[in-house]
């Protein structure tokens, strides 16, 4: 096992990793920008190192500064959390060159899954069902027109190096394809430095289902069920739950084993999430995230498995502690991502929290690094915290969620709490009858203004 882990991140995920380190008896090192000097994970860590000024490129993305922090503190491993350098294969290689372990997947797997075209090709070869679309990058506009006719409109243009909805365009009429390609290519080039595009069939009302996996890099891999992440705004997840209201046990077992088998075939190491669009009883692979997910607590709540602890264990060379038959699911869990944003306009609302009262009680978990008097800085994402609630049934979970949301108080800044209070009382949500476009359609109706 590792002696000392440096946590190369900030906010709630840094605090989450720190707690896992403490429970494993491993010393934890916090790094921080000057803007995060008073952060909770900095206060609770065994050691802390300032790695630069507020802009992430000068601090949390500053690899030389992170290496220096490892050298200063004697850290023998780095946990990257999510975001920042979590899926940066070169960062993992540089750490290895300096005899520091990267707590995450192997660089080759990060590179494979980081390229959406290569990932889709690999998924097909591994027996994972995929969305109908181009076999590779679009070579020309003429090729795109031919592919669109073969696939059938509507189609989705996607950036090969993309994420977060950038470089994505829906085309319903063929004479709009050329302009959409130009816009998507420009967006992708600006956001990722790579204008490579590919085409997929656009699914009208799919759900977003993701399968959580865990592998030890030795040919052993298991799945830990699914999370339904269909409530999204601008391709960003807002509400996640597990198990999905749309799946039954047989469907879960089948797609879970398909994914776990694929991970065994490539000797996958660490946690990861294989994501699908699910429509008309069919799973369609869209991407794989080679890191811990923001929404991982949903899985932890219904399996009683600490994913970060298991991530650290296998990174240290241990075999999987669990077999597939030992993974059991109980109850239902829902996570709400509470952001420092106006609940109607979604405009960021950084500033000082003048009153903070998180909810409590049976089955209620808060993953947050804020506290009374804490100032949300304007330099990073706007996450205030994650409210995760578990119940024996989905109905009980929703009742408990409504109660917890009504207890949750954050004053001094705008938050998205009013949005979740409304969603938890919507008939479609209560019935589990929603899809990836539902939330944007709901917001477009001005539901929160009424």
Protein backbone atom coordinates (compact mmCIF):
# COMPACT_ATOMS: atom_id res chain seq x y z
CA UNK A 1 0.00 0.00 0.00
CA UNK A 2 1.07 3.59 -0.50
CA UNK A 3 2.62 5.62 2.32
CA UNK A 4 1.52 9.09 1.22
CA UNK A 5 -0.95 10.22 -1.44
CA UNK A 6 -0.93 13.68 -2.99
CA UNK A 7 -4.43 14.77 -4.03
CA UNK A 8 -4.09 16.71 -7.29
CA UNK A 9 -7.48 18.37 -7.14
CA UNK A 10 -9.70 20.70 -5.12
CA UNK A 11 -13.22 21.03 -3.73
CA UNK A 12 -15.49 18.16 -2.77
CA UNK A 13 -13.58 15.47 -4.69
CA UNK A 14 -10.32 16.40 -2.92
CA UNK A 15 -12.10 16.07 0.40
CA UNK A 16 -13.67 12.78 -0.73
CA UNK A 17 -10.27 11.31 -1.59
CA UNK A 18 -8.77 12.64 1.64
CA UNK A 19 -11.42 10.78 3.66
CA UNK A 20 -10.61 7.53 1.87
CA UNK A 21 -6.91 8.03 2.62
CA UNK A 22 -7.66 8.60 6.31
CA UNK A 23 -9.73 5.42 6.51
CA UNK A 24 -6.90 3.46 4.90
CA UNK A 25 -4.32 4.96 7.29
CA UNK A 26 -2.50 6.71 4.46
CA UNK A 27 -1.07 10.22 4.90
CA UNK A 28 -2.70 12.76 2.58
CA UNK A 29 -1.14 15.82 0.96
CA UNK A 30 -3.36 18.66 -0.23
CA UNK A 31 -2.28 21.01 -2.99
CA UNK A 32 -4.00 24.32 -3.54
CA UNK A 33 -3.95 27.55 -5.45
CA UNK A 34 -3.75 30.83 -3.56
CA UNK A 35 -7.54 31.11 -4.01
CA UNK A 36 -8.06 27.85 -2.13
CA UNK A 37 -5.80 28.47 0.85
CA UNK A 38 -8.78 28.20 3.23
CA UNK A 39 -10.35 25.16 1.56
CA UNK A 40 -11.62 22.35 3.75
CA UNK A 41 -9.33 19.68 2.27
CA UNK A 42 -6.35 21.95 2.94
CA UNK A 43 -7.38 22.35 6.57
CA UNK A 44 -7.83 18.59 7.10
CA UNK A 45 -4.82 17.23 5.18
CA UNK A 46 -1.66 16.02 6.90
CA UNK A 47 0.37 18.41 4.74
CA UNK A 48 -0.43 21.09 2.20
CA UNK A 49 1.50 22.78 -0.59
CA UNK A 50 0.58 25.92 -2.51
CA UNK A 51 1.15 25.25 -6.20
CA UNK A 52 0.35 28.59 -7.80
CA UNK A 53 -2.08 31.45 -8.44
CA UNK A 54 -5.84 30.96 -9.06
CA UNK A 55 -5.92 30.19 -12.82
CA UNK A 56 -5.96 26.39 -13.16
CA UNK A 57 -3.27 26.40 -15.85
CA UNK A 58 -0.89 27.91 -13.31
CA UNK A 59 -1.87 25.63 -10.42
CA UNK A 60 -4.02 22.50 -10.74
CA UNK A 61 -2.86 21.90 -14.33
CA UNK A 62 0.75 22.82 -13.57
CA UNK A 63 2.54 19.47 -13.83
CA UNK A 64 6.01 20.76 -12.77
CA UNK A 65 4.44 22.29 -9.65
CA UNK A 66 2.69 19.02 -8.82
CA UNK A 67 5.91 17.08 -9.30
CA UNK A 68 7.71 19.52 -7.02
CA UNK A 69 4.99 19.03 -4.38
CA UNK A 70 5.51 15.26 -4.59
CA UNK A 71 9.25 15.74 -4.16
CA UNK A 72 8.87 18.15 -1.23
CA UNK A 73 6.42 15.95 0.67
CA UNK A 74 7.72 12.52 -0.32
CA UNK A 75 4.37 11.45 -1.77
CA UNK A 76 4.63 8.11 -3.53
CA UNK A 77 1.26 8.32 -5.31
CA UNK A 78 -1.07 10.91 -6.81
CA UNK A 79 -4.85 10.75 -6.93
CA UNK A 80 -6.16 13.10 -9.64
CA UNK A 81 -9.86 13.06 -8.69
CA UNK A 82 -11.99 14.04 -11.70
CA UNK A 83 -11.43 16.88 -14.15
CA UNK A 84 -8.10 18.71 -14.40
CA UNK A 85 -5.45 15.99 -15.07
CA UNK A 86 -7.57 12.94 -14.24
CA UNK A 87 -7.56 11.60 -17.82
CA UNK A 88 -4.21 13.00 -18.94
CA UNK A 89 -2.13 10.03 -20.08
CA UNK A 90 1.06 12.07 -20.32
CA UNK A 91 0.68 13.17 -16.70
CA UNK A 92 0.50 9.51 -15.63
CA UNK A 93 3.63 8.74 -17.67
CA UNK A 94 5.56 11.68 -16.21
CA UNK A 95 4.67 10.56 -12.69
CA UNK A 96 5.92 7.04 -13.47
CA UNK A 97 9.18 8.51 -14.81
CA UNK A 98 9.62 10.11 -11.37
CA UNK A 99 8.72 6.89 -9.49
CA UNK A 100 5.33 8.20 -8.39
CA UNK A 101 2.21 6.05 -8.87
CA UNK A 102 -0.82 7.40 -10.71
CA UNK A 103 -4.05 6.26 -9.06
CA UNK A 104 -6.07 5.62 -12.17
CA UNK A 105 -6.08 3.69 -15.46
CA UNK A 106 -3.05 2.90 -17.59
CA UNK A 107 -2.00 5.63 -20.04
CA UNK A 108 -2.83 3.46 -23.05
CA UNK A 109 -6.40 3.03 -21.88
CA UNK A 110 -6.81 6.75 -21.24
CA UNK A 111 -5.55 7.48 -24.74
CA UNK A 112 -7.75 4.83 -26.31
CA UNK A 113 -10.93 6.04 -24.66
CA UNK A 114 -10.02 9.72 -24.91
CA UNK A 115 -10.34 9.54 -28.70
CA UNK A 116 -14.06 9.05 -29.35
CA UNK A 117 -13.50 7.46 -32.77
CA UNK A 118 -10.90 4.99 -31.47
CA UNK A 119 -13.07 4.26 -28.42
CA UNK A 120 -16.09 3.44 -30.57
CA UNK A 121 -13.99 1.20 -32.81
CA UNK A 122 -12.57 -0.58 -29.75
CA UNK A 123 -16.04 -0.97 -28.24
CA UNK A 124 -17.26 -2.69 -31.40
CA UNK A 125 -14.28 -5.05 -31.38
CA UNK A 126 -14.93 -5.87 -27.71
CA UNK A 127 -18.57 -6.75 -28.34
CA UNK A 128 -20.11 -3.60 -26.85
CA UNK A 129 -23.15 -2.35 -28.83
CA UNK A 130 -22.61 1.06 -30.46
CA UNK A 131 -24.66 3.88 -32.02
CA UNK A 132 -24.93 3.50 -35.82
CA UNK A 133 -22.55 5.95 -37.46
CA UNK A 134 -19.30 6.53 -39.31
CA UNK A 135 -16.50 4.01 -38.80
CA UNK A 136 -13.94 6.77 -38.46
CA UNK A 137 -13.29 10.45 -38.97
CA UNK A 138 -15.18 12.33 -41.66
CA UNK A 139 -12.75 12.98 -44.50
CA UNK A 140 -14.77 15.55 -46.45
CA UNK A 141 -18.16 17.22 -46.61
CA UNK A 142 -19.08 14.98 -49.54
CA UNK A 143 -18.36 11.93 -47.43
CA UNK A 144 -20.45 13.38 -44.60
CA UNK A 145 -23.42 13.82 -46.98
CA UNK A 146 -23.09 10.21 -48.18
CA UNK A 147 -22.84 8.92 -44.59
CA UNK A 148 -25.83 10.98 -43.47
CA UNK A 149 -27.94 9.44 -46.23
CA UNK A 150 -26.71 5.93 -45.34
CA UNK A 151 -27.26 6.37 -41.58
CA UNK A 152 -30.54 8.23 -42.02
CA UNK A 153 -31.44 11.67 -40.75
CA UNK A 154 -31.38 13.10 -38.17
CA UNK A 155 -27.67 12.74 -37.43
CA UNK A 156 -25.37 14.09 -34.74
CA UNK A 157 -21.99 15.62 -35.62
CA UNK A 158 -19.46 15.00 -32.84
CA UNK A 159 -15.88 16.07 -32.13
CA UNK A 160 -13.46 13.15 -31.85
CA UNK A 161 -11.65 14.84 -28.96
CA UNK A 162 -14.83 16.34 -27.56
CA UNK A 163 -16.75 16.53 -24.34
CA UNK A 164 -19.30 18.67 -22.53
CA UNK A 165 -21.37 19.23 -25.66
CA UNK A 166 -18.73 21.26 -27.52
CA UNK A 167 -18.37 20.42 -31.18
CA UNK A 168 -21.77 18.70 -31.25
CA UNK A 169 -24.50 19.61 -33.75
CA UNK A 170 -27.81 17.96 -34.65
CA UNK A 171 -28.74 17.95 -38.33
CA UNK A 172 -32.30 17.14 -39.36
CA UNK A 173 -32.25 18.44 -42.95
CA UNK A 174 -29.44 17.56 -45.35
CA UNK A 175 -29.05 21.07 -46.73
CA UNK A 176 -28.08 22.22 -43.21
CA UNK A 177 -25.24 19.68 -42.96
CA UNK A 178 -22.44 21.74 -44.53
CA UNK A 179 -22.97 24.74 -42.23
CA UNK A 180 -23.25 22.48 -39.18
CA UNK A 181 -19.96 20.76 -40.10
CA UNK A 182 -18.20 24.13 -40.35
CA UNK A 183 -19.52 25.24 -36.95
CA UNK A 184 -18.72 21.94 -35.24
CA UNK A 185 -15.22 21.87 -36.71
CA UNK A 186 -14.51 25.42 -35.55
CA UNK A 187 -15.85 24.71 -32.04
CA UNK A 188 -13.82 21.52 -31.74
CA UNK A 189 -10.65 23.22 -32.96
CA UNK A 190 -11.09 26.09 -30.49
CA UNK A 191 -11.99 23.87 -27.52
CA UNK A 192 -9.70 20.89 -28.05
CA UNK A 193 -7.14 21.93 -30.65
CA UNK A 194 -8.49 19.16 -32.89
CA UNK A 195 -11.19 19.68 -35.51
CA UNK A 196 -11.69 15.98 -36.29
CA UNK A 197 -15.37 15.07 -36.54
CA UNK A 198 -17.50 11.95 -36.90
CA UNK A 199 -21.20 11.21 -37.45
CA UNK A 200 -23.71 9.22 -35.43
CA UNK A 201 -27.40 8.53 -35.73
CA UNK A 202 -29.29 11.03 -33.60
CA UNK A 203 -31.61 9.29 -31.15
CA UNK A 204 -34.75 11.29 -30.41
CA UNK A 205 -35.71 10.28 -26.87
CA UNK A 206 -32.95 8.11 -25.38
CA UNK A 207 -31.97 7.72 -21.75
CA UNK A 208 -28.35 8.15 -20.68
CA UNK A 209 -27.31 4.96 -18.86
CA UNK A 210 -23.79 4.39 -17.56
CA UNK A 211 -22.23 1.20 -16.22
CA UNK A 212 -19.74 1.48 -13.35
CA UNK A 213 -16.81 -0.90 -13.66
CA UNK A 214 -13.78 -1.79 -11.55
CA UNK A 215 -10.71 -3.72 -12.72
CA UNK A 216 -7.37 -4.68 -11.20
CA UNK A 217 -5.28 -4.67 -14.39
CA UNK A 218 -4.76 -8.44 -14.12
CA UNK A 219 -7.69 -9.63 -16.18
CA UNK A 220 -10.24 -9.33 -13.36
CA UNK A 221 -13.08 -6.85 -13.74
CA UNK A 222 -16.58 -6.50 -12.36
CA UNK A 223 -19.51 -4.18 -12.88
CA UNK A 224 -21.34 -2.38 -10.09
CA UNK A 225 -24.61 -1.74 -11.85
CA UNK A 226 -25.86 1.33 -13.66
CA UNK A 227 -26.69 4.95 -13.06
CA UNK A 228 -29.35 6.83 -15.00
CA UNK A 229 -28.01 10.29 -15.88
CA UNK A 230 -30.71 11.35 -18.33
CA UNK A 231 -31.58 14.65 -16.65
CA UNK A 232 -29.10 16.97 -18.35
CA UNK A 233 -28.72 20.58 -19.38
CA UNK A 234 -26.44 21.38 -22.31
CA UNK A 235 -25.07 17.82 -22.11
CA UNK A 236 -24.10 18.36 -18.46
CA UNK A 237 -25.56 15.95 -15.92
CA UNK A 238 -27.77 17.48 -13.25
CA UNK A 239 -29.53 14.57 -11.51
CA UNK A 240 -28.33 10.95 -11.36
CA UNK A 241 -29.99 7.90 -9.91
CA UNK A 242 -29.52 4.19 -9.56
CA UNK A 243 -30.84 1.77 -10.42
CA UNK A 244 -32.41 3.17 -13.57
CA UNK A 245 -36.22 3.25 -13.60
CA UNK A 246 -35.99 1.95 -17.19
CA UNK A 247 -34.08 -1.31 -16.57
CA UNK A 248 -34.85 -4.61 -14.92
CA UNK A 249 -32.46 -7.10 -13.32
CA UNK A 250 -32.00 -9.21 -16.45
CA UNK A 251 -31.17 -6.19 -18.61
CA UNK A 252 -28.76 -4.88 -15.95
CA UNK A 253 -26.97 -8.21 -15.67
CA UNK A 254 -26.66 -8.59 -19.44
CA UNK A 255 -25.22 -5.17 -20.25
CA UNK A 256 -23.12 -5.19 -17.06
CA UNK A 257 -21.50 -8.51 -17.93
CA UNK A 258 -20.93 -7.38 -21.54
CA UNK A 259 -18.99 -4.36 -20.28
CA UNK A 260 -17.11 -6.28 -17.56
CA UNK A 261 -16.07 -8.93 -20.09
CA UNK A 262 -14.69 -6.21 -22.37
CA UNK A 263 -12.70 -4.69 -19.49
CA UNK A 264 -11.24 -8.11 -18.64
CA UNK A 265 -10.13 -8.49 -22.26
CA UNK A 266 -8.04 -5.31 -22.13
CA UNK A 267 -6.79 -5.82 -18.53
CA UNK A 268 -8.40 -2.57 -17.46
CA UNK A 269 -7.08 -1.06 -14.23
CA UNK A 270 -9.03 1.18 -11.84
CA UNK A 271 -12.59 2.47 -11.91
CA UNK A 272 -14.26 3.56 -15.10
CA UNK A 273 -17.67 4.25 -16.55
CA UNK A 274 -18.99 2.99 -19.88
CA UNK A 275 -21.77 5.26 -21.11
CA UNK A 276 -24.71 4.43 -23.36
CA UNK A 277 -27.73 6.00 -24.97
CA UNK A 278 -30.62 3.61 -24.34
CA UNK A 279 -33.69 3.65 -26.56
CA UNK A 280 -36.26 1.07 -27.67
CA UNK A 281 -34.60 -1.63 -25.59
CA UNK A 282 -31.18 -1.12 -27.20
CA UNK A 283 -27.92 0.06 -25.64
CA UNK A 284 -25.74 2.29 -27.82
CA UNK A 285 -22.16 2.98 -26.62
CA UNK A 286 -21.18 6.65 -26.72
CA UNK A 287 -18.00 6.92 -24.62
CA UNK A 288 -15.98 5.68 -21.68
CA UNK A 289 -14.75 7.87 -18.84
CA UNK A 290 -11.47 6.57 -17.43
CA UNK A 291 -11.76 8.17 -13.97
CA UNK A 292 -13.89 8.38 -10.89
CA UNK A 293 -17.18 10.09 -11.76
CA UNK A 294 -18.86 13.01 -10.03
CA UNK A 295 -21.86 10.76 -9.49
CA UNK A 296 -20.00 7.78 -8.02
CA UNK A 297 -21.76 8.13 -4.61
CA UNK A 298 -24.99 6.83 -6.18
CA UNK A 299 -23.29 3.48 -6.75
CA UNK A 300 -21.69 3.53 -3.30
CA UNK A 301 -25.08 4.08 -1.66
CA UNK A 302 -26.72 1.05 -3.32
CA UNK A 303 -23.73 -1.34 -3.08
CA UNK A 304 -21.96 -0.29 0.15
CA UNK A 305 -18.68 -0.39 -1.80
CA UNK A 306 -16.23 2.50 -1.36
CA UNK A 307 -15.11 3.13 -4.94
CA UNK A 308 -12.25 5.45 -4.02
CA UNK A 309 -10.84 2.95 -1.53
CA UNK A 310 -11.03 0.20 -4.17
CA UNK A 311 -9.42 2.54 -6.70
CA UNK A 312 -6.48 3.09 -4.34
CA UNK A 313 -6.21 -0.63 -3.51
CA UNK A 314 -5.92 -1.83 -7.10
CA UNK A 315 -3.56 1.03 -7.99
CA UNK A 316 -1.24 -0.31 -5.27
CA UNK A 317 -1.18 -3.69 -7.02
CA UNK A 318 -3.81 -5.55 -5.02
CA UNK A 319 -6.20 -8.00 -6.61
CA UNK A 320 -9.90 -7.20 -6.70
CA UNK A 321 -11.37 -7.78 -3.25
CA UNK A 322 -14.77 -8.71 -4.72
CA UNK A 323 -16.17 -11.18 -7.21
CA UNK A 324 -19.20 -10.34 -9.33
CA UNK A 325 -21.43 -12.62 -7.26
CA UNK A 326 -20.49 -10.67 -4.13
CA UNK A 327 -21.80 -7.40 -5.58
CA UNK A 328 -25.37 -6.90 -4.37
CA UNK A 329 -27.75 -4.01 -4.95
CA UNK A 330 -30.17 -2.72 -2.35
CA UNK A 331 -32.53 0.21 -2.40
CA UNK A 332 -32.47 3.29 -4.58
CA UNK A 333 -30.26 6.39 -4.58
CA UNK A 334 -30.54 9.83 -6.19
CA UNK A 335 -27.86 12.52 -6.44
CA UNK A 336 -28.52 16.22 -7.08
CA UNK A 337 -25.60 18.42 -8.13
CA UNK A 338 -26.17 21.68 -6.27
CA UNK A 339 -24.34 24.47 -8.10
CA UNK A 340 -23.66 28.12 -7.33
CA UNK A 341 -25.85 29.24 -10.21
CA UNK A 342 -29.08 31.11 -10.70
CA UNK A 343 -31.75 28.37 -10.95
CA UNK A 344 -33.49 30.04 -13.92
CA UNK A 345 -30.70 31.66 -15.98
CA UNK A 346 -27.93 29.32 -14.72
CA UNK A 347 -25.63 32.32 -14.50
CA UNK A 348 -22.69 31.52 -12.11
CA UNK A 349 -23.06 33.00 -8.63
CA UNK A 350 -19.67 33.03 -6.90
CA UNK A 351 -19.47 34.73 -3.51
CA UNK A 352 -19.49 34.22 0.22
CA UNK A 353 -21.89 31.81 1.91
CA UNK A 354 -23.38 33.66 4.86
CA UNK A 355 -25.52 30.80 6.12
CA UNK A 356 -25.11 27.08 5.49
CA UNK A 357 -27.25 24.29 6.89
CA UNK A 358 -26.95 20.89 5.18
CA UNK A 359 -29.71 18.32 5.66
CA UNK A 360 -29.23 15.16 7.72
CA UNK A 361 -31.03 12.07 8.87
CA UNK A 362 -31.17 8.45 7.80
CA UNK A 363 -30.07 7.82 4.21
CA UNK A 364 -28.86 11.38 3.54
CA UNK A 365 -25.28 12.09 2.43
CA UNK A 366 -23.67 15.41 1.57
CA UNK A 367 -20.43 15.49 -0.42
CA UNK A 368 -19.34 19.11 -0.16
CA UNK A 369 -16.29 21.14 0.79
CA UNK A 370 -18.13 24.35 1.68
CA UNK A 371 -18.85 25.68 5.15
CA UNK A 372 -20.38 28.73 6.84
CA UNK A 373 -18.40 31.78 5.67
CA UNK A 374 -16.73 29.97 2.77
CA UNK A 375 -16.36 32.01 -0.43
CA UNK A 376 -17.08 30.22 -3.72
CA UNK A 377 -14.24 31.40 -6.00
CA UNK A 378 -15.01 32.50 -9.57
CA UNK A 379 -12.10 30.59 -11.10
CA UNK A 380 -13.39 27.00 -11.09
CA UNK A 381 -16.59 25.00 -11.54
CA UNK A 382 -19.63 26.14 -9.61
CA UNK A 383 -20.34 22.96 -7.62
CA UNK A 384 -21.44 23.72 -4.06
CA UNK A 385 -21.99 20.10 -3.19
CA UNK A 386 -23.79 16.88 -3.97
CA UNK A 387 -26.88 15.77 -2.10
CA UNK A 388 -27.21 12.00 -2.24
CA UNK A 389 -30.25 10.28 -0.75
CA UNK A 390 -31.02 6.57 -0.41
CA UNK A 391 -34.29 4.79 0.32
CA UNK A 392 -35.46 1.18 0.37
CA UNK A 393 -37.57 1.94 -2.71
CA UNK A 394 -37.57 4.71 -5.32
CA UNK A 395 -40.73 6.14 -3.80
CA UNK A 396 -39.16 6.29 -0.35
CA UNK A 397 -36.02 7.80 -1.88
CA UNK A 398 -38.03 10.58 -3.54
CA UNK A 399 -39.90 11.34 -0.31
CA UNK A 400 -36.61 11.53 1.57
CA UNK A 401 -35.09 13.68 -1.17
CA UNK A 402 -37.95 16.18 -0.95
CA UNK A 403 -37.52 16.38 2.80
CA UNK A 404 -33.73 16.82 2.52
CA UNK A 405 -34.05 19.52 -0.15
CA UNK A 406 -36.47 21.45 2.04
CA UNK A 407 -33.94 21.32 4.91
CA UNK A 408 -30.98 22.41 2.77
CA UNK A 409 -30.09 26.08 3.32
CA UNK A 410 -27.39 27.98 1.42
CA UNK A 411 -27.62 31.78 1.71
CA UNK A 412 -25.47 34.55 0.29
CA UNK A 413 -25.32 33.12 -3.23
CA UNK A 414 -27.79 31.76 -5.76
CA UNK A 415 -27.98 27.97 -6.02
CA UNK A 416 -29.88 25.41 -8.06
CA UNK A 417 -31.74 24.10 -4.98
CA UNK A 418 -35.07 25.58 -6.21
CA UNK A 419 -34.71 23.60 -9.44
CA UNK A 420 -34.33 20.32 -7.57
CA UNK A 421 -37.23 21.10 -5.24
CA UNK A 422 -39.39 21.54 -8.34
CA UNK A 423 -38.06 18.45 -10.13
CA UNK A 424 -38.64 16.19 -7.13
CA UNK A 425 -42.35 17.05 -7.33
CA UNK A 426 -42.80 16.72 -11.11
CA UNK A 427 -45.10 13.89 -12.24
CA UNK A 428 -42.74 12.70 -15.00
CA UNK A 429 -39.84 12.49 -12.56
CA UNK A 430 -41.93 10.71 -9.94
CA UNK A 431 -42.99 8.20 -12.61
CA UNK A 432 -39.41 7.81 -13.90
CA UNK A 433 -40.65 8.87 -17.34
CA UNK A 434 -37.92 11.12 -18.72
CA UNK A 435 -35.11 11.21 -21.29
CA UNK A 436 -32.00 13.26 -22.11
CA UNK A 437 -33.98 16.14 -23.64
CA UNK A 438 -36.66 16.28 -20.92
CA UNK A 439 -34.97 18.83 -18.68
CA UNK A 440 -34.19 21.32 -21.43
CA UNK A 441 -37.77 21.06 -22.70
CA UNK A 442 -39.01 21.60 -19.14
CA UNK A 443 -36.82 24.68 -18.70
CA UNK A 444 -37.79 26.04 -22.12
CA UNK A 445 -41.42 26.05 -20.97
CA UNK A 446 -40.41 28.46 -18.20
CA UNK A 447 -41.57 26.01 -15.54
CA UNK A 448 -39.49 27.64 -12.79
CA UNK A 449 -40.85 31.09 -13.64
CA UNK A 450 -44.43 30.02 -12.98
